[in-house]
Every structure is written in C-alpha cells, then in structure tokens.
Amino acid sequence: MRINAYNRVSKIYEAQNISKVKNVKEVTAKQDEVEISKVGRDISVAREAVNKTPDIRLDKVNNIIERMESGAYNIDAKEVANKIVDKYFDETI
C-alpha cells in the first residue's frame, strides 16, 4: 500500500514539473549593434588618406637637390629667418 501511495505522489509531482516546463517561454538572444556616425566615417577616410601619403615628398626634395647642384637654388637667409620668427610668434600667441 505504501508503495502505491508513493507512486501516486510521484506521478502528481511529475505532472506539475512537466506543466512548469511547458510554460517556459523561449528566450532569444539580443545582439548588440554598433553604428558609426558620418563624422566617424569621414575621420576614418581622412586617417586612411593621411596614412597613405608619404611623410617626405621625394619629388620636391629631388627638385631642390637638382637646383642646388646646378646653382639655381638661391635662398635669402634673412627671409628664412623672418619666416621662422613669424611662425614662432604665430604659434605662441
């Protein structure tokens, strides 16, 4: 008799657990999204362009070297000094 009572209680408990499992809703995983603004895309494009540009413009350097070697490149030292001083004061003010 006791075994039958235990079996009945066990079946009732199983039925309750099964109904609980049926009531569980499916959970869908949310995904994060990243959206880059137009300004961010523009900055990225500008950065790529700067990275592709060489630090030294060899065409201009070679042109100056050729002019120096041929004697056609004359520099006024006072004009260079004035530009350096002007640039210094423009940046410090």
Protein backbone atom coordinates (compact mmCIF):
# COMPACT_ATOMS: atom_id res chain seq x y z
CA MET A 1 0.00 0.00 0.00
CA ARG A 2 2.66 2.49 0.88
CA ILE A 3 4.45 1.91 -2.41
CA ASN A 4 1.27 2.70 -4.32
CA ALA A 5 0.85 5.93 -2.36
CA TYR A 6 4.42 6.87 -3.16
CA ASN A 7 3.85 6.17 -6.87
CA ARG A 8 0.77 8.38 -6.90
CA VAL A 9 2.62 11.26 -5.24
CA SER A 10 5.50 10.79 -7.65
CA LYS A 11 3.17 10.95 -10.67
CA ILE A 12 1.48 14.11 -9.36
CA TYR A 13 4.88 15.73 -8.80
CA GLU A 14 6.00 14.77 -12.33
CA ALA A 15 2.84 16.23 -13.83
CA GLN A 16 3.43 19.53 -12.02
CA ASN A 17 7.05 19.71 -13.21
CA ILE A 18 6.07 18.96 -16.80
CA SER A 19 3.44 21.71 -16.79
CA LYS A 20 6.04 24.15 -15.42
CA VAL A 21 8.43 23.28 -18.22
CA LYS A 22 5.73 23.79 -20.85
CA ASN A 23 5.09 27.32 -19.58
CA VAL A 24 8.69 28.42 -20.09
CA LYS A 25 8.98 30.86 -22.99
CA GLU A 26 11.80 30.81 -25.44
CA VAL A 27 14.38 33.48 -24.83
CA THR A 28 16.03 34.96 -27.86
CA ALA A 29 19.50 36.34 -27.51
CA LYS A 30 19.77 40.04 -28.24
CA GLN A 31 22.65 41.18 -30.36
CA ASP A 32 24.49 44.43 -29.88
CA GLU A 33 24.74 46.79 -32.80
CA VAL A 34 27.33 49.45 -33.46
CA GLU A 35 26.54 52.31 -35.77
CA ILE A 36 29.31 54.71 -36.76
CA SER A 37 28.25 58.29 -37.41
CA LYS A 38 29.00 60.14 -40.63
CA VAL A 39 31.65 62.20 -38.83
CA GLY A 40 33.30 59.00 -37.62
CA ARG A 41 33.33 57.56 -41.14
CA ASP A 42 34.76 60.82 -42.51
CA ILE A 43 37.52 60.77 -39.89
CA SER A 44 38.31 57.17 -40.80
CA VAL A 45 38.57 58.04 -44.50
CA ALA A 46 40.79 61.04 -43.72
CA ARG A 47 43.03 58.92 -41.48
CA GLU A 48 43.46 56.33 -44.25
CA ALA A 49 44.37 59.08 -46.74
CA VAL A 50 46.97 60.52 -44.34
CA ASN A 51 48.44 57.08 -43.72
CA LYS A 52 48.80 56.50 -47.48
CA THR A 53 50.54 59.86 -48.01
CA PRO A 54 54.33 59.65 -47.65
CA ASP A 55 55.98 61.77 -44.95
CA ILE A 56 58.55 63.10 -47.41
CA ARG A 57 57.58 64.31 -50.86
CA LEU A 58 60.54 62.96 -52.80
CA ASP A 59 59.58 64.80 -55.98
CA LYS A 60 60.03 68.17 -54.26
CA VAL A 61 63.18 67.07 -52.43
CA ASN A 62 64.78 65.80 -55.64
CA ASN A 63 63.84 69.03 -57.44
CA ILE A 64 65.54 71.14 -54.76
CA ILE A 65 68.63 68.90 -54.78
CA GLU A 66 68.93 69.29 -58.56
CA ARG A 67 68.55 73.07 -58.30
CA MET A 68 71.16 73.24 -55.50
CA GLU A 69 73.66 71.18 -57.51
CA SER A 70 73.16 73.32 -60.61
CA GLY A 71 73.45 76.56 -58.60
CA ALA A 72 69.93 77.70 -59.49
CA TYR A 73 68.62 77.40 -55.93
CA ASN A 74 69.26 80.69 -54.14
CA ILE A 75 67.95 81.25 -50.64
CA ASP A 76 67.73 84.60 -48.87
CA ALA A 77 68.83 83.86 -45.29
CA LYS A 78 67.04 86.94 -43.88
CA GLU A 79 63.76 85.89 -45.49
CA VAL A 80 64.06 82.39 -44.00
CA ALA A 81 64.89 83.84 -40.56
CA ASN A 82 61.90 86.22 -40.74
CA LYS A 83 59.54 83.36 -41.63
CA ILE A 84 60.87 81.27 -38.73
CA VAL A 85 60.35 84.15 -36.29
CA ASP A 86 56.88 84.91 -37.68
CA LYS A 87 55.85 81.27 -37.38
CA TYR A 88 57.20 81.08 -33.83
CA PHE A 89 55.20 84.12 -32.70
CA ASP A 90 52.06 82.95 -34.51
CA GLU A 91 52.17 79.66 -32.60
CA THR A 92 52.95 81.14 -29.17
CA ILE A 93 50.27 83.84 -29.23
